[in-house]
N, C-alpha and C. Protein backbone atom coordinates (compact mmCIF):
# COMPACT_ATOMS: atom_id res chain seq x y z
N MET A 1 0.80 -1.10 -0.15
CA MET A 1 -0.07 -0.07 0.09
C MET A 1 0.97 1.26 -0.06
N ASP A 2 0.66 2.16 -1.00
CA ASP A 2 1.44 3.42 -1.03
C ASP A 2 0.97 4.56 -0.04
N THR A 3 1.76 5.47 -0.04
CA THR A 3 1.65 6.64 0.77
C THR A 3 0.13 7.27 0.53
N ILE A 4 -0.13 7.29 -0.66
CA ILE A 4 -1.45 8.03 -1.00
C ILE A 4 -2.53 7.24 -0.50
N ASP A 5 -2.61 5.86 -0.49
CA ASP A 5 -3.74 5.08 -0.17
C ASP A 5 -3.69 5.20 1.49
N LEU A 6 -2.58 5.17 2.26
CA LEU A 6 -2.43 5.26 3.61
C LEU A 6 -3.13 6.59 4.08
N VAL A 7 -2.72 7.77 3.33
CA VAL A 7 -3.34 9.18 3.77
C VAL A 7 -4.86 9.15 3.55
N LEU A 8 -5.30 8.59 2.50
CA LEU A 8 -6.75 8.50 2.29
C LEU A 8 -7.30 7.59 3.40
N LEU A 9 -6.78 6.46 3.69
CA LEU A 9 -7.45 5.81 4.88
C LEU A 9 -7.37 6.51 5.91
N TYR A 10 -6.41 7.35 6.44
CA TYR A 10 -6.33 8.21 7.41
C TYR A 10 -7.46 9.15 7.48
N ASP A 11 -7.89 9.85 6.31
CA ASP A 11 -8.80 10.77 6.26
C ASP A 11 -10.09 10.13 6.59
N TYR A 12 -10.24 8.91 6.27
CA TYR A 12 -11.55 8.25 6.68
C TYR A 12 -11.64 7.78 8.21
N TYR A 13 -10.48 7.09 8.47
CA TYR A 13 -10.49 6.31 9.83
C TYR A 13 -9.59 6.96 11.04
N GLY A 14 -9.01 8.01 10.65
CA GLY A 14 -7.85 8.71 11.50
C GLY A 14 -8.34 8.81 12.87
N ASP A 15 -9.66 9.18 13.08
CA ASP A 15 -10.34 9.36 14.33
C ASP A 15 -10.31 8.29 15.51
N LEU A 16 -10.11 7.09 14.71
CA LEU A 16 -10.08 5.92 15.57
C LEU A 16 -8.82 5.55 15.94
N LEU A 17 -7.61 6.33 15.69
CA LEU A 17 -6.47 5.99 16.22
C LEU A 17 -6.27 6.76 17.65
N THR A 18 -5.13 6.28 18.27
CA THR A 18 -4.77 7.10 19.57
C THR A 18 -4.29 8.55 19.24
N GLN A 19 -4.16 9.27 20.05
CA GLN A 19 -3.48 10.63 19.88
C GLN A 19 -2.08 10.56 19.61
N ARG A 20 -1.52 9.60 20.18
CA ARG A 20 -0.07 9.35 19.83
C ARG A 20 0.01 8.73 18.28
N GLN A 21 -0.89 7.88 18.00
CA GLN A 21 -0.74 7.19 16.91
C GLN A 21 -0.80 8.40 15.80
N ARG A 22 -1.95 9.29 15.97
CA ARG A 22 -2.25 10.47 15.01
C ARG A 22 -0.97 11.40 14.87
N GLU A 23 -0.43 11.76 15.97
CA GLU A 23 0.75 12.50 15.95
C GLU A 23 1.91 11.93 15.09
N CYS A 24 2.12 10.75 15.33
CA CYS A 24 3.10 10.05 14.54
C CYS A 24 2.89 9.97 13.25
N PHE A 25 1.74 9.57 12.78
CA PHE A 25 1.18 9.41 11.34
C PHE A 25 1.34 10.88 10.71
N GLU A 26 0.86 11.77 11.30
CA GLU A 26 0.84 13.05 10.55
C GLU A 26 2.20 13.52 10.44
N MET A 27 3.10 13.44 11.44
CA MET A 27 4.42 13.92 11.24
C MET A 27 5.19 13.12 10.24
N ARG A 28 4.84 11.83 10.07
CA ARG A 28 5.41 11.04 9.03
C ARG A 28 5.16 11.26 7.72
N TYR A 29 3.86 11.28 7.34
CA TYR A 29 2.91 11.38 6.03
C TYR A 29 2.69 12.71 5.65
N TYR A 30 2.51 13.77 6.59
CA TYR A 30 2.21 14.99 6.23
C TYR A 30 3.37 15.84 6.16
N GLN A 31 4.21 15.77 7.22
CA GLN A 31 5.48 16.53 7.41
C GLN A 31 6.60 15.93 6.87
N ASP A 32 6.62 14.60 6.52
CA ASP A 32 7.81 13.73 6.05
C ASP A 32 9.12 13.74 6.82
N LEU A 33 8.66 13.64 8.15
CA LEU A 33 9.86 13.64 9.05
C LEU A 33 10.45 12.16 9.17
N SER A 34 11.66 11.82 9.45
CA SER A 34 12.01 10.69 9.81
C SER A 34 11.61 10.06 11.23
N LEU A 35 11.79 8.83 11.44
CA LEU A 35 11.53 8.30 12.60
C LEU A 35 12.14 8.88 13.92
N GLY A 36 13.28 9.03 13.57
CA GLY A 36 14.29 9.73 14.59
C GLY A 36 13.85 11.20 14.89
N GLU A 37 13.52 11.96 13.81
CA GLU A 37 12.83 13.33 14.15
C GLU A 37 11.67 13.23 14.80
N ILE A 38 10.82 12.47 14.58
CA ILE A 38 9.53 12.22 15.21
C ILE A 38 9.84 11.84 16.60
N GLY A 39 10.57 10.95 16.92
CA GLY A 39 10.89 10.54 18.17
C GLY A 39 11.51 11.66 19.19
N GLU A 40 12.28 12.38 18.45
CA GLU A 40 12.93 13.57 19.29
C GLU A 40 11.78 14.70 19.44
N GLU A 41 11.03 14.74 18.59
CA GLU A 41 10.00 15.87 18.68
C GLU A 41 8.79 15.41 19.93
N LEU A 42 8.69 14.04 19.87
CA LEU A 42 7.62 13.56 20.86
C LEU A 42 8.28 13.01 22.22
N GLY A 43 9.59 12.94 22.23
CA GLY A 43 10.30 12.59 23.44
C GLY A 43 10.20 11.16 23.65
N ILE A 44 10.08 10.19 22.51
CA ILE A 44 9.94 8.75 22.49
C ILE A 44 11.13 8.23 21.63
N SER A 45 11.27 6.92 21.82
CA SER A 45 12.47 6.21 21.06
C SER A 45 11.95 6.09 19.37
N ARG A 46 12.92 6.06 18.56
CA ARG A 46 12.70 5.63 17.29
C ARG A 46 11.84 4.32 17.01
N GLN A 47 12.34 3.34 17.93
CA GLN A 47 11.36 2.20 17.92
C GLN A 47 9.96 2.32 18.57
N GLY A 48 9.85 3.36 19.21
CA GLY A 48 8.37 3.63 19.66
C GLY A 48 7.67 4.28 18.77
N VAL A 49 8.34 5.10 17.77
CA VAL A 49 7.56 5.82 16.86
C VAL A 49 7.11 4.76 15.80
N HIS A 50 8.26 3.60 15.39
CA HIS A 50 7.95 2.68 14.59
C HIS A 50 6.74 1.78 14.92
N ASP A 51 6.78 1.39 16.20
CA ASP A 51 5.59 0.84 16.65
C ASP A 51 4.23 1.39 16.54
N ASN A 52 4.23 2.78 17.06
CA ASN A 52 3.01 3.51 16.91
C ASN A 52 2.50 3.61 15.21
N LEU A 53 3.44 3.58 14.60
CA LEU A 53 3.04 3.64 12.97
C LEU A 53 2.70 2.41 12.44
N SER A 54 3.27 1.42 12.90
CA SER A 54 2.87 0.04 12.55
C SER A 54 1.46 -0.15 12.95
N ARG A 55 1.09 0.09 14.18
CA ARG A 55 -0.07 -0.19 14.76
C ARG A 55 -1.24 0.62 14.09
N ALA A 56 -0.83 1.95 13.87
CA ALA A 56 -1.83 2.83 13.16
C ALA A 56 -2.10 2.29 11.71
N GLU A 57 -1.08 2.08 10.97
CA GLU A 57 -1.15 1.57 9.69
C GLU A 57 -2.10 0.22 9.49
N ALA A 58 -1.75 -0.73 10.63
CA ALA A 58 -2.50 -1.92 10.71
C ALA A 58 -4.08 -1.69 10.76
N LEU A 59 -4.43 -0.77 11.85
CA LEU A 59 -5.75 -0.34 12.09
C LEU A 59 -6.28 0.31 10.93
N LEU A 60 -5.71 0.97 10.15
CA LEU A 60 -6.45 1.91 9.11
C LEU A 60 -6.68 0.62 8.00
N ARG A 61 -5.76 -0.30 7.81
CA ARG A 61 -6.23 -1.17 6.75
C ARG A 61 -7.23 -2.09 7.19
N ASN A 62 -7.26 -2.63 8.49
CA ASN A 62 -8.20 -3.29 9.12
C ASN A 62 -9.67 -2.75 8.98
N MET A 63 -9.56 -1.49 9.32
CA MET A 63 -10.89 -0.81 9.24
C MET A 63 -11.55 -0.68 7.62
N GLU A 64 -10.53 -0.62 6.83
CA GLU A 64 -10.88 -0.58 5.40
C GLU A 64 -11.47 -2.02 5.00
N GLU A 65 -10.64 -3.03 5.35
CA GLU A 65 -11.34 -4.27 5.00
C GLU A 65 -12.66 -4.72 5.60
N LYS A 66 -12.89 -4.23 6.74
CA LYS A 66 -14.23 -4.43 7.51
C LYS A 66 -15.35 -3.58 6.93
N THR A 67 -14.97 -2.33 6.52
CA THR A 67 -16.21 -1.44 6.23
C THR A 67 -16.12 -1.06 4.65
N GLY A 68 -14.85 -1.07 4.07
CA GLY A 68 -14.90 -0.88 2.63
C GLY A 68 -15.32 0.43 2.20
N CYS A 69 -15.44 1.57 3.07
CA CYS A 69 -15.67 2.82 2.81
C CYS A 69 -14.92 3.55 1.50
N VAL A 70 -13.66 3.41 1.58
CA VAL A 70 -12.79 3.89 0.62
C VAL A 70 -12.98 3.24 -0.76
N ARG A 71 -13.05 2.03 -0.54
CA ARG A 71 -13.51 1.13 -2.01
C ARG A 71 -14.64 1.68 -2.54
N ARG A 72 -15.77 1.76 -1.71
CA ARG A 72 -17.24 2.29 -2.22
C ARG A 72 -17.06 3.74 -2.76
N ASP A 73 -16.34 4.41 -2.16
CA ASP A 73 -16.16 5.88 -2.52
C ASP A 73 -15.35 6.10 -3.86
N ARG A 74 -14.55 5.20 -4.03
CA ARG A 74 -13.70 5.25 -5.49
C ARG A 74 -14.72 4.52 -6.43
N ALA A 75 -15.29 3.44 -6.08
CA ALA A 75 -16.36 3.09 -7.10
C ALA A 75 -17.16 3.87 -7.49
N CYS A 76 -17.94 4.60 -6.64
CA CYS A 76 -18.99 5.87 -6.90
C CYS A 76 -18.29 6.92 -7.69
N ARG A 77 -17.15 7.31 -7.36
CA ARG A 77 -16.57 8.46 -8.31
C ARG A 77 -16.23 7.92 -9.68
N LYS A 78 -15.93 6.80 -9.84
CA LYS A 78 -15.58 6.22 -11.05
C LYS A 78 -16.94 6.16 -11.93
N ALA A 79 -17.87 5.72 -11.27
CA ALA A 79 -19.24 5.62 -11.87
C ALA A 79 -19.72 7.05 -12.27
N ALA A 80 -19.58 7.97 -11.31
CA ALA A 80 -19.96 9.34 -11.55
C ALA A 80 -19.36 9.94 -12.92
N ALA A 81 -17.98 9.74 -12.96
CA ALA A 81 -17.27 10.22 -14.03
C ALA A 81 -17.50 9.46 -15.24
N LYS A 82 -17.93 8.19 -15.34
CA LYS A 82 -18.49 7.70 -16.38
C LYS A 82 -19.77 8.31 -16.84
N ILE A 83 -20.64 8.51 -16.05
CA ILE A 83 -21.98 9.09 -16.32
C ILE A 83 -21.61 10.65 -16.75
N ALA A 84 -20.79 11.23 -16.27
CA ALA A 84 -20.64 12.61 -16.91
C ALA A 84 -20.08 12.71 -18.14
N VAL A 85 -19.32 11.78 -18.50
CA VAL A 85 -18.72 11.67 -19.98
C VAL A 85 -19.83 11.26 -20.84
N HIS A 86 -20.90 10.47 -20.60
CA HIS A 86 -21.87 10.08 -21.58
C HIS A 86 -23.02 11.11 -21.48
N ALA A 87 -23.05 12.25 -20.56
CA ALA A 87 -24.25 12.95 -20.21
C ALA A 87 -24.07 14.15 -21.28
């Protein structure tokens, strides 16, 4: 899964993450900070940042598997674009 997909999942399900997971995710994917930089900023180890990101990414993927909101949204957008072309 690439960065764009993860950010999209975060837009849908980010509120389900812990505050620390959200902080780590946003610093990594929105500010493009390294694990070391995030750890320094938050006062946690690089490994702690990695663990938080891993759990956050797993939760985001799991929520998409269970709910399929992003998949349905993409399908609707594709159908709407097809309709717009033929209208």
